[in-house]
Amino acid sequence: MDTNVKLTTEEYDDQLEDKGPKDPLLADVSAYQRLIGKLSYLTVTRPDIAFGFQTLSQYLQQPKKSHMDEAIKIVKYIKSQPGQGILISSAPIESVTAYCDADWATCSHTRKSVSDYLIKLGQSLISWKSKKQTTISRSSAESEYMSMASTISEFTWILSLLKELDFKIAACQAI
């Protein structure tokens, strides 16, 4: 999904009173809802579509034509990239690595930021998340700190789980 595409709700468009061509509501809402429901199952093995899914799932009540167009783009991407799913590596596991990021004020309606993280055990991806933050950040640094806090929380939980399973890890790093 193109991150520069700004999807809006009907209420947001009415507030702007844009004189340009209106993006019509879908006649068949259930088709959009079924498609998004099917994409939710794919996010289990395809973290590369997590952001697009998270964005499109916000418009389940009153989807517009632009929302369906973006959902179809995700389906076309999945069809063109069949080998992009998660693969578990058989290489020896020596480290646990966490990566995080935040997009400040991504949501044009609420001005909330989106936090993302992924955690790898060796070369295998074991945990990931892309979620809108619960509060509005006043700066990009604040949204990054909130993203780091959620990442470290998950990272700590995974490390304690591995310790409880008596799994030896040589190195841990959060990036």
N, C-alpha and C. Protein backbone atom coordinates (compact mmCIF):
# COMPACT_ATOMS: atom_id res chain seq x y z
N MET A 1 0.85 -1.18 0.00
CA MET A 1 0.00 0.00 0.00
C MET A 1 0.89 1.24 0.00
N ASP A 2 0.54 2.17 -0.83
CA ASP A 2 1.30 3.42 -0.91
C ASP A 2 1.07 4.23 0.37
N THR A 3 2.16 4.54 1.07
CA THR A 3 2.04 5.27 2.34
C THR A 3 1.64 6.73 2.14
N ASN A 4 1.75 7.25 0.92
CA ASN A 4 1.39 8.63 0.65
C ASN A 4 -0.08 8.81 0.32
N VAL A 5 -0.81 7.73 0.13
CA VAL A 5 -2.24 7.81 -0.14
C VAL A 5 -2.96 8.15 1.15
N LYS A 6 -3.76 9.20 1.13
CA LYS A 6 -4.51 9.62 2.32
C LYS A 6 -5.96 9.18 2.15
N LEU A 7 -6.33 8.14 2.90
CA LEU A 7 -7.70 7.65 2.88
C LEU A 7 -8.49 8.42 3.93
N THR A 8 -9.74 8.75 3.60
CA THR A 8 -10.55 9.55 4.50
C THR A 8 -11.93 8.91 4.69
N THR A 9 -12.62 9.38 5.71
CA THR A 9 -13.99 8.95 5.95
C THR A 9 -14.95 9.93 5.29
N GLU A 10 -16.20 9.53 5.20
CA GLU A 10 -17.24 10.39 4.63
C GLU A 10 -17.41 11.66 5.47
N GLU A 11 -17.36 11.51 6.80
CA GLU A 11 -17.52 12.67 7.68
C GLU A 11 -16.37 13.67 7.50
N TYR A 12 -15.17 13.15 7.33
CA TYR A 12 -14.00 14.00 7.13
C TYR A 12 -14.15 14.79 5.83
N ASP A 13 -14.62 14.12 4.77
CA ASP A 13 -14.81 14.80 3.49
C ASP A 13 -15.88 15.88 3.60
N ASP A 14 -16.94 15.62 4.36
CA ASP A 14 -18.00 16.61 4.54
C ASP A 14 -17.48 17.84 5.28
N GLN A 15 -16.57 17.65 6.24
CA GLN A 15 -16.00 18.77 6.97
C GLN A 15 -15.14 19.65 6.08
N LEU A 16 -14.44 19.01 5.15
CA LEU A 16 -13.58 19.79 4.25
C LEU A 16 -14.38 20.54 3.20
N GLU A 17 -15.56 20.02 2.89
CA GLU A 17 -16.41 20.60 1.86
C GLU A 17 -15.64 20.82 0.58
N ASP A 18 -14.91 19.80 0.19
CA ASP A 18 -14.11 19.85 -1.03
C ASP A 18 -15.04 19.91 -2.24
N LYS A 19 -14.76 20.82 -3.15
CA LYS A 19 -15.59 20.99 -4.34
C LYS A 19 -15.17 20.04 -5.47
N GLY A 20 -14.11 19.28 -5.26
CA GLY A 20 -13.63 18.35 -6.27
C GLY A 20 -14.52 17.12 -6.36
N PRO A 21 -14.13 16.15 -7.20
CA PRO A 21 -14.93 14.93 -7.34
C PRO A 21 -14.93 14.14 -6.03
N LYS A 22 -16.12 13.71 -5.63
CA LYS A 22 -16.27 12.98 -4.37
C LYS A 22 -15.95 11.51 -4.59
N ASP A 23 -15.39 10.91 -3.58
CA ASP A 23 -15.12 9.48 -3.56
C ASP A 23 -16.37 8.80 -3.03
N PRO A 24 -17.10 8.05 -3.87
CA PRO A 24 -18.39 7.50 -3.43
C PRO A 24 -18.24 6.36 -2.44
N LEU A 25 -19.26 6.20 -1.60
CA LEU A 25 -19.33 5.05 -0.71
C LEU A 25 -19.60 3.81 -1.53
N LEU A 26 -19.11 2.66 -1.04
CA LEU A 26 -19.36 1.40 -1.75
C LEU A 26 -20.82 1.00 -1.61
N ALA A 27 -21.39 0.48 -2.69
CA ALA A 27 -22.76 0.00 -2.65
C ALA A 27 -22.84 -1.30 -1.86
N ASP A 28 -21.83 -2.17 -2.01
CA ASP A 28 -21.80 -3.46 -1.31
C ASP A 28 -20.71 -3.43 -0.25
N VAL A 29 -21.08 -3.04 0.96
CA VAL A 29 -20.14 -2.93 2.07
C VAL A 29 -19.62 -4.31 2.46
N SER A 30 -20.46 -5.33 2.36
CA SER A 30 -20.07 -6.67 2.81
C SER A 30 -18.91 -7.24 1.99
N ALA A 31 -18.80 -6.89 0.72
CA ALA A 31 -17.68 -7.38 -0.09
C ALA A 31 -16.35 -6.84 0.46
N TYR A 32 -16.32 -5.57 0.82
CA TYR A 32 -15.13 -4.97 1.41
C TYR A 32 -14.82 -5.61 2.76
N GLN A 33 -15.85 -5.81 3.58
CA GLN A 33 -15.65 -6.40 4.90
C GLN A 33 -15.13 -7.84 4.79
N ARG A 34 -15.63 -8.60 3.82
CA ARG A 34 -15.14 -9.98 3.63
C ARG A 34 -13.69 -9.98 3.18
N LEU A 35 -13.34 -9.07 2.27
CA LEU A 35 -11.97 -8.99 1.78
C LEU A 35 -11.00 -8.63 2.91
N ILE A 36 -11.35 -7.66 3.72
CA ILE A 36 -10.51 -7.27 4.85
C ILE A 36 -10.41 -8.42 5.86
N GLY A 37 -11.50 -9.14 6.07
CA GLY A 37 -11.48 -10.30 6.96
C GLY A 37 -10.51 -11.37 6.46
N LYS A 38 -10.48 -11.58 5.16
CA LYS A 38 -9.55 -12.56 4.59
C LYS A 38 -8.11 -12.09 4.70
N LEU A 39 -7.90 -10.79 4.53
CA LEU A 39 -6.55 -10.25 4.68
C LEU A 39 -6.05 -10.38 6.12
N SER A 40 -6.97 -10.35 7.10
CA SER A 40 -6.55 -10.48 8.50
C SER A 40 -5.89 -11.83 8.75
N TYR A 41 -6.35 -12.88 8.08
CA TYR A 41 -5.72 -14.18 8.23
C TYR A 41 -4.34 -14.21 7.59
N LEU A 42 -4.16 -13.47 6.52
CA LEU A 42 -2.87 -13.44 5.85
C LEU A 42 -1.80 -12.71 6.65
N THR A 43 -2.19 -11.80 7.53
CA THR A 43 -1.20 -11.07 8.31
C THR A 43 -0.46 -11.98 9.28
N VAL A 44 -0.99 -13.19 9.52
CA VAL A 44 -0.31 -14.14 10.40
C VAL A 44 1.03 -14.57 9.81
N THR A 45 1.08 -14.72 8.49
CA THR A 45 2.32 -15.16 7.84
C THR A 45 2.90 -14.10 6.91
N ARG A 46 2.23 -12.98 6.76
CA ARG A 46 2.71 -11.93 5.87
C ARG A 46 2.77 -10.58 6.59
N PRO A 47 3.81 -10.35 7.41
CA PRO A 47 3.89 -9.08 8.13
C PRO A 47 4.09 -7.88 7.20
N ASP A 48 4.46 -8.12 5.94
CA ASP A 48 4.66 -7.03 5.00
C ASP A 48 3.36 -6.32 4.63
N ILE A 49 2.20 -6.94 4.91
CA ILE A 49 0.94 -6.28 4.62
C ILE A 49 0.27 -5.75 5.89
N ALA A 50 0.96 -5.81 7.03
CA ALA A 50 0.36 -5.41 8.30
C ALA A 50 -0.06 -3.95 8.31
N PHE A 51 0.77 -3.07 7.77
CA PHE A 51 0.43 -1.64 7.78
C PHE A 51 -0.80 -1.38 6.92
N GLY A 52 -0.82 -1.94 5.72
CA GLY A 52 -1.97 -1.75 4.84
C GLY A 52 -3.25 -2.30 5.44
N PHE A 53 -3.16 -3.47 6.05
CA PHE A 53 -4.32 -4.06 6.70
C PHE A 53 -4.80 -3.19 7.85
N GLN A 54 -3.86 -2.73 8.66
CA GLN A 54 -4.21 -1.88 9.81
C GLN A 54 -4.92 -0.61 9.34
N THR A 55 -4.45 -0.04 8.25
CA THR A 55 -5.04 1.19 7.74
C THR A 55 -6.44 0.93 7.17
N LEU A 56 -6.57 -0.10 6.35
CA LEU A 56 -7.86 -0.37 5.70
C LEU A 56 -8.92 -0.88 6.66
N SER A 57 -8.51 -1.53 7.73
CA SER A 57 -9.50 -2.06 8.67
C SER A 57 -10.19 -0.97 9.47
N GLN A 58 -9.70 0.25 9.41
CA GLN A 58 -10.34 1.37 10.11
C GLN A 58 -11.61 1.85 9.42
N TYR A 59 -11.82 1.40 8.17
CA TYR A 59 -12.93 1.90 7.37
C TYR A 59 -13.97 0.82 7.09
N LEU A 60 -14.15 -0.12 8.01
CA LEU A 60 -15.08 -1.23 7.78
C LEU A 60 -16.55 -0.80 7.79
N GLN A 61 -16.89 0.25 8.49
CA GLN A 61 -18.29 0.65 8.61
C GLN A 61 -18.81 1.36 7.36
N GLN A 62 -18.02 2.28 6.82
CA GLN A 62 -18.43 3.03 5.64
C GLN A 62 -17.28 3.10 4.63
N PRO A 63 -16.97 1.99 3.99
CA PRO A 63 -15.86 2.02 3.02
C PRO A 63 -16.24 2.76 1.74
N LYS A 64 -15.23 3.39 1.18
CA LYS A 64 -15.42 4.12 -0.08
C LYS A 64 -14.69 3.39 -1.20
N LYS A 65 -14.88 3.85 -2.41
CA LYS A 65 -14.27 3.21 -3.57
C LYS A 65 -12.74 3.20 -3.46
N SER A 66 -12.15 4.28 -2.94
CA SER A 66 -10.70 4.35 -2.79
C SER A 66 -10.18 3.30 -1.82
N HIS A 67 -10.96 2.98 -0.80
CA HIS A 67 -10.56 1.95 0.16
C HIS A 67 -10.52 0.58 -0.52
N MET A 68 -11.55 0.28 -1.32
CA MET A 68 -11.58 -0.99 -2.03
C MET A 68 -10.44 -1.07 -3.04
N ASP A 69 -10.14 0.04 -3.70
CA ASP A 69 -9.03 0.06 -4.66
C ASP A 69 -7.71 -0.27 -3.98
N GLU A 70 -7.48 0.28 -2.79
CA GLU A 70 -6.25 -0.01 -2.05
C GLU A 70 -6.22 -1.46 -1.58
N ALA A 71 -7.36 -2.01 -1.18
CA ALA A 71 -7.41 -3.42 -0.77
C ALA A 71 -7.09 -4.33 -1.95
N ILE A 72 -7.59 -3.97 -3.12
CA ILE A 72 -7.30 -4.76 -4.34
C ILE A 72 -5.81 -4.68 -4.67
N LYS A 73 -5.18 -3.52 -4.44
CA LYS A 73 -3.73 -3.39 -4.66
C LYS A 73 -2.96 -4.35 -3.76
N ILE A 74 -3.40 -4.50 -2.51
CA ILE A 74 -2.74 -5.44 -1.59
C ILE A 74 -2.89 -6.87 -2.09
N VAL A 75 -4.08 -7.21 -2.57
CA VAL A 75 -4.31 -8.57 -3.11
C VAL A 75 -3.41 -8.81 -4.32
N LYS A 76 -3.30 -7.83 -5.20
CA LYS A 76 -2.43 -7.96 -6.38
C LYS A 76 -0.96 -8.11 -5.95
N TYR A 77 -0.56 -7.37 -4.92
CA TYR A 77 0.80 -7.50 -4.41
C TYR A 77 1.05 -8.91 -3.89
N ILE A 78 0.09 -9.45 -3.13
CA ILE A 78 0.24 -10.80 -2.59
C ILE A 78 0.35 -11.83 -3.71
N LYS A 79 -0.45 -11.65 -4.75
CA LYS A 79 -0.40 -12.59 -5.88
C LYS A 79 0.92 -12.50 -6.63
N SER A 80 1.50 -11.30 -6.71
CA SER A 80 2.75 -11.13 -7.45
C SER A 80 3.99 -11.50 -6.63
N GLN A 81 3.85 -11.61 -5.32
CA GLN A 81 4.97 -11.92 -4.43
C GLN A 81 4.65 -13.14 -3.57
N PRO A 82 4.47 -14.33 -4.16
CA PRO A 82 4.05 -15.49 -3.36
C PRO A 82 5.10 -15.99 -2.38
N GLY A 83 6.36 -15.70 -2.59
CA GLY A 83 7.41 -16.22 -1.72
C GLY A 83 7.82 -15.29 -0.60
N GLN A 84 7.02 -14.27 -0.32
CA GLN A 84 7.40 -13.28 0.69
C GLN A 84 6.92 -13.62 2.10
N GLY A 85 6.37 -14.79 2.31
CA GLY A 85 5.87 -15.17 3.63
C GLY A 85 7.01 -15.41 4.61
N ILE A 86 6.66 -15.75 5.83
CA ILE A 86 7.64 -16.00 6.87
C ILE A 86 8.23 -17.39 6.70
N LEU A 87 9.55 -17.46 6.74
CA LEU A 87 10.25 -18.73 6.71
C LEU A 87 11.04 -18.86 8.00
N ILE A 88 10.99 -20.03 8.59
CA ILE A 88 11.75 -20.29 9.81
C ILE A 88 13.11 -20.87 9.40
N SER A 89 14.16 -20.22 9.83
CA SER A 89 15.52 -20.62 9.47
C SER A 89 15.97 -21.83 10.29
N SER A 90 16.77 -22.68 9.65
CA SER A 90 17.33 -23.83 10.37
C SER A 90 18.75 -23.54 10.88
N ALA A 91 19.21 -22.31 10.67
CA ALA A 91 20.54 -21.91 11.13
C ALA A 91 20.56 -21.87 12.66
N PRO A 92 21.72 -22.05 13.26
CA PRO A 92 21.82 -21.98 14.73
C PRO A 92 21.37 -20.61 15.25
N ILE A 93 20.69 -20.62 16.36
CA ILE A 93 20.16 -19.38 16.94
C ILE A 93 21.18 -18.86 17.95
N GLU A 94 21.68 -17.67 17.69
CA GLU A 94 22.68 -17.07 18.57
C GLU A 94 22.21 -15.79 19.23
N SER A 95 21.18 -15.16 18.65
CA SER A 95 20.80 -13.86 19.19
C SER A 95 19.29 -13.61 19.04
N VAL A 96 18.84 -12.64 19.82
CA VAL A 96 17.48 -12.12 19.69
C VAL A 96 17.64 -10.64 19.35
N THR A 97 16.98 -10.20 18.29
CA THR A 97 17.11 -8.82 17.84
C THR A 97 15.73 -8.19 17.72
N ALA A 98 15.60 -6.96 18.17
CA ALA A 98 14.34 -6.22 18.06
C ALA A 98 14.57 -4.93 17.28
N TYR A 99 13.64 -4.62 16.42
CA TYR A 99 13.65 -3.38 15.64
C TYR A 99 12.34 -2.66 15.89
N CYS A 100 12.40 -1.32 15.98
CA CYS A 100 11.16 -0.57 16.15
C CYS A 100 11.23 0.74 15.38
N ASP A 101 10.04 1.29 15.13
CA ASP A 101 9.94 2.56 14.42
C ASP A 101 8.58 3.16 14.75
N ALA A 102 8.44 4.44 14.52
CA ALA A 102 7.16 5.11 14.70
C ALA A 102 7.00 6.15 13.60
N ASP A 103 5.80 6.27 13.09
CA ASP A 103 5.46 7.32 12.12
C ASP A 103 4.62 8.35 12.84
N TRP A 104 5.19 9.51 13.04
CA TRP A 104 4.55 10.54 13.84
C TRP A 104 3.34 11.12 13.12
N ALA A 105 2.21 11.20 13.83
CA ALA A 105 0.97 11.82 13.36
C ALA A 105 0.53 11.27 12.00
N THR A 106 0.60 9.98 11.83
CA THR A 106 0.24 9.34 10.55
C THR A 106 -1.23 9.47 10.24
N CYS A 107 -2.08 9.26 11.22
CA CYS A 107 -3.52 9.30 10.99
C CYS A 107 -3.96 10.74 10.79
N SER A 108 -4.53 11.02 9.63
CA SER A 108 -4.92 12.40 9.33
C SER A 108 -6.16 12.84 10.11
N HIS A 109 -6.93 11.89 10.65
CA HIS A 109 -8.14 12.23 11.40
C HIS A 109 -7.84 12.52 12.86
N THR A 110 -7.08 11.64 13.49
CA THR A 110 -6.82 11.76 14.93
C THR A 110 -5.45 12.31 15.25
N ARG A 111 -4.57 12.39 14.27
CA ARG A 111 -3.18 12.83 14.43
C ARG A 111 -2.39 11.88 15.33
N LYS A 112 -2.84 10.64 15.49
CA LYS A 112 -2.11 9.66 16.27
C LYS A 112 -1.00 9.05 15.42
N SER A 113 0.05 8.63 16.10
CA SER A 113 1.19 8.01 15.44
C SER A 113 0.98 6.50 15.33
N VAL A 114 1.74 5.87 14.44
CA VAL A 114 1.69 4.43 14.29
C VAL A 114 3.03 3.86 14.73
N SER A 115 2.97 2.89 15.65
CA SER A 115 4.17 2.20 16.14
C SER A 115 4.32 0.87 15.43
N ASP A 116 5.54 0.53 15.09
CA ASP A 116 5.83 -0.76 14.47
C ASP A 116 7.01 -1.38 15.20
N TYR A 117 6.99 -2.70 15.31
CA TYR A 117 8.18 -3.40 15.77
C TYR A 117 8.20 -4.80 15.20
N LEU A 118 9.40 -5.36 15.17
CA LEU A 118 9.57 -6.77 14.84
C LEU A 118 10.70 -7.33 15.66
N ILE A 119 10.56 -8.61 16.03
CA ILE A 119 11.55 -9.27 16.86
C ILE A 119 11.96 -10.56 16.17
N LYS A 120 13.26 -10.75 16.06
CA LYS A 120 13.81 -11.92 15.38
C LYS A 120 14.57 -12.80 16.36
N LEU A 121 14.35 -14.10 16.26
CA LEU A 121 15.10 -15.09 17.02
C LEU A 121 16.05 -15.72 16.02
N GLY A 122 17.32 -15.34 16.11
CA GLY A 122 18.28 -15.73 15.06
C GLY A 122 17.91 -14.99 13.78
N GLN A 123 17.63 -15.73 12.71
CA GLN A 123 17.21 -15.12 11.45
C GLN A 123 15.71 -15.26 11.23
N SER A 124 15.00 -15.81 12.19
CA SER A 124 13.56 -16.07 12.06
C SER A 124 12.73 -15.00 12.75
N LEU A 125 11.76 -14.49 12.06
CA LEU A 125 10.85 -13.50 12.62
C LEU A 125 9.85 -14.22 13.53
N ILE A 126 9.74 -13.77 14.79
CA ILE A 126 8.83 -14.45 15.72
C ILE A 126 7.74 -13.54 16.27
N SER A 127 7.91 -12.22 16.18
CA SER A 127 6.88 -11.31 16.68
C SER A 127 6.95 -10.00 15.92
N TRP A 128 5.77 -9.44 15.60
CA TRP A 128 5.72 -8.15 14.93
C TRP A 128 4.39 -7.49 15.22
N LYS A 129 4.37 -6.16 15.07
CA LYS A 129 3.14 -5.43 15.33
C LYS A 129 3.19 -4.07 14.64
N SER A 130 2.07 -3.64 14.13
CA SER A 130 1.90 -2.30 13.58
C SER A 130 0.56 -1.80 14.12
N LYS A 131 0.61 -0.78 14.98
CA LYS A 131 -0.61 -0.35 15.66
C LYS A 131 -0.60 1.16 15.88
N LYS A 132 -1.78 1.74 15.78
CA LYS A 132 -1.92 3.15 16.08
C LYS A 132 -1.74 3.35 17.59
N GLN A 133 -0.98 4.35 17.98
CA GLN A 133 -0.74 4.61 19.40
C GLN A 133 -2.02 5.10 20.06
N THR A 134 -2.14 4.84 21.36
CA THR A 134 -3.38 5.18 22.07
C THR A 134 -3.52 6.67 22.37
N THR A 135 -2.40 7.38 22.44
CA THR A 135 -2.46 8.82 22.73
C THR A 135 -1.79 9.60 21.60
N ILE A 136 -2.05 10.88 21.58
CA ILE A 136 -1.46 11.75 20.56
C ILE A 136 -0.12 12.26 21.07
N SER A 137 0.93 12.07 20.28
CA SER A 137 2.27 12.52 20.65
C SER A 137 2.46 13.97 20.26
N ARG A 138 3.17 14.70 21.08
CA ARG A 138 3.44 16.10 20.78
C ARG A 138 4.64 16.29 19.86
N SER A 139 5.47 15.26 19.76
CA SER A 139 6.66 15.34 18.91
C SER A 139 6.99 13.96 18.36
N SER A 140 7.84 13.95 17.35
CA SER A 140 8.26 12.67 16.77
C SER A 140 9.10 11.89 17.79
N ALA A 141 9.85 12.59 18.62
CA ALA A 141 10.65 11.92 19.64
C ALA A 141 9.75 11.20 20.64
N GLU A 142 8.65 11.84 21.03
CA GLU A 142 7.73 11.21 21.97
C GLU A 142 7.10 9.96 21.36
N SER A 143 6.73 10.03 20.08
CA SER A 143 6.14 8.84 19.45
C SER A 143 7.18 7.73 19.32
N GLU A 144 8.45 8.08 19.07
CA GLU A 144 9.50 7.07 19.01
C GLU A 144 9.71 6.41 20.38
N TYR A 145 9.67 7.21 21.45
CA TYR A 145 9.80 6.66 22.80
C TYR A 145 8.66 5.70 23.12
N MET A 146 7.45 6.05 22.72
CA MET A 146 6.31 5.17 22.96
C MET A 146 6.47 3.87 22.18
N SER A 147 7.00 3.96 20.97
CA SER A 147 7.25 2.76 20.17
C SER A 147 8.31 1.89 20.83
N MET A 148 9.38 2.54 21.31
CA MET A 148 10.44 1.79 22.00
C MET A 148 9.91 1.11 23.25
N ALA A 149 9.04 1.79 23.98
CA ALA A 149 8.49 1.21 25.22
C ALA A 149 7.69 -0.06 24.92
N SER A 150 6.85 -0.03 23.88
CA SER A 150 6.07 -1.23 23.54
C SER A 150 6.96 -2.34 23.01
N THR A 151 8.02 -1.96 22.28
CA THR A 151 8.96 -2.95 21.76
C THR A 151 9.72 -3.62 22.90
N ILE A 152 10.23 -2.83 23.82
CA ILE A 152 10.98 -3.38 24.95
C ILE A 152 10.09 -4.25 25.83
N SER A 153 8.83 -3.89 25.96
CA SER A 153 7.90 -4.70 26.73
C SER A 153 7.76 -6.09 26.11
N GLU A 154 7.55 -6.14 24.80
CA GLU A 154 7.45 -7.42 24.09
C GLU A 154 8.78 -8.17 24.13
N PHE A 155 9.87 -7.45 23.94
CA PHE A 155 11.22 -8.03 23.95
C PHE A 155 11.51 -8.69 25.30
N THR A 156 11.16 -8.00 26.39
CA THR A 156 11.37 -8.53 27.73
C THR A 156 10.54 -9.79 27.95
N TRP A 157 9.30 -9.77 27.49
CA TRP A 157 8.43 -10.93 27.64
C TRP A 157 9.01 -12.14 26.89
N ILE A 158 9.49 -11.92 25.66
CA ILE A 158 10.07 -13.02 24.87
C ILE A 158 11.32 -13.56 25.54
N LEU A 159 12.18 -12.66 26.06
CA LEU A 159 13.39 -13.12 26.75
C LEU A 159 13.05 -13.93 28.00
N SER A 160 12.04 -13.49 28.74
CA SER A 160 11.67 -14.26 29.93
C SER A 160 11.06 -15.61 29.55
N LEU A 161 10.33 -15.66 28.44
CA LEU A 161 9.78 -16.93 27.96
C LEU A 161 10.90 -17.88 27.55
N LEU A 162 11.89 -17.35 26.83
CA LEU A 162 13.03 -18.18 26.42
C LEU A 162 13.82 -18.66 27.63
N LYS A 163 13.96 -17.79 28.64
CA LYS A 163 14.67 -18.19 29.87
C LYS A 163 13.90 -19.29 30.59
N GLU A 164 12.59 -19.15 30.64
CA GLU A 164 11.76 -20.17 31.30
C GLU A 164 11.85 -21.51 30.57
N LEU A 165 12.03 -21.46 29.25
CA LEU A 165 12.18 -22.68 28.46
C LEU A 165 13.61 -23.20 28.47
N ASP A 166 14.48 -22.53 29.26
CA ASP A 166 15.89 -22.88 29.39
C ASP A 166 16.62 -22.83 28.05
N PHE A 167 16.32 -21.78 27.29
CA PHE A 167 16.93 -21.56 25.98
C PHE A 167 18.09 -20.60 26.16
N LYS A 168 19.26 -20.97 25.71
CA LYS A 168 20.47 -20.12 25.87
C LYS A 168 20.63 -19.18 24.69
N ILE A 169 20.73 -17.89 25.00
CA ILE A 169 20.93 -16.87 24.00
C ILE A 169 22.27 -16.20 24.24
N ALA A 170 23.09 -16.11 23.17
CA ALA A 170 24.42 -15.51 23.30
C ALA A 170 24.36 -13.99 23.34
N ALA A 171 23.46 -13.39 22.54
CA ALA A 171 23.41 -11.93 22.45
C ALA A 171 21.99 -11.45 22.28
N CYS A 172 21.70 -10.27 22.85
CA CYS A 172 20.40 -9.62 22.69
C CYS A 172 20.68 -8.19 22.27
N GLN A 173 19.90 -7.70 21.33
CA GLN A 173 20.08 -6.30 20.93
C GLN A 173 18.74 -5.74 20.46
N ALA A 174 18.51 -4.49 20.83
CA ALA A 174 17.35 -3.76 20.39
C ALA A 174 17.82 -2.60 19.53
N ILE A 175 17.27 -2.52 18.34
CA ILE A 175 17.70 -1.49 17.39
C ILE A 175 16.54 -0.58 17.05
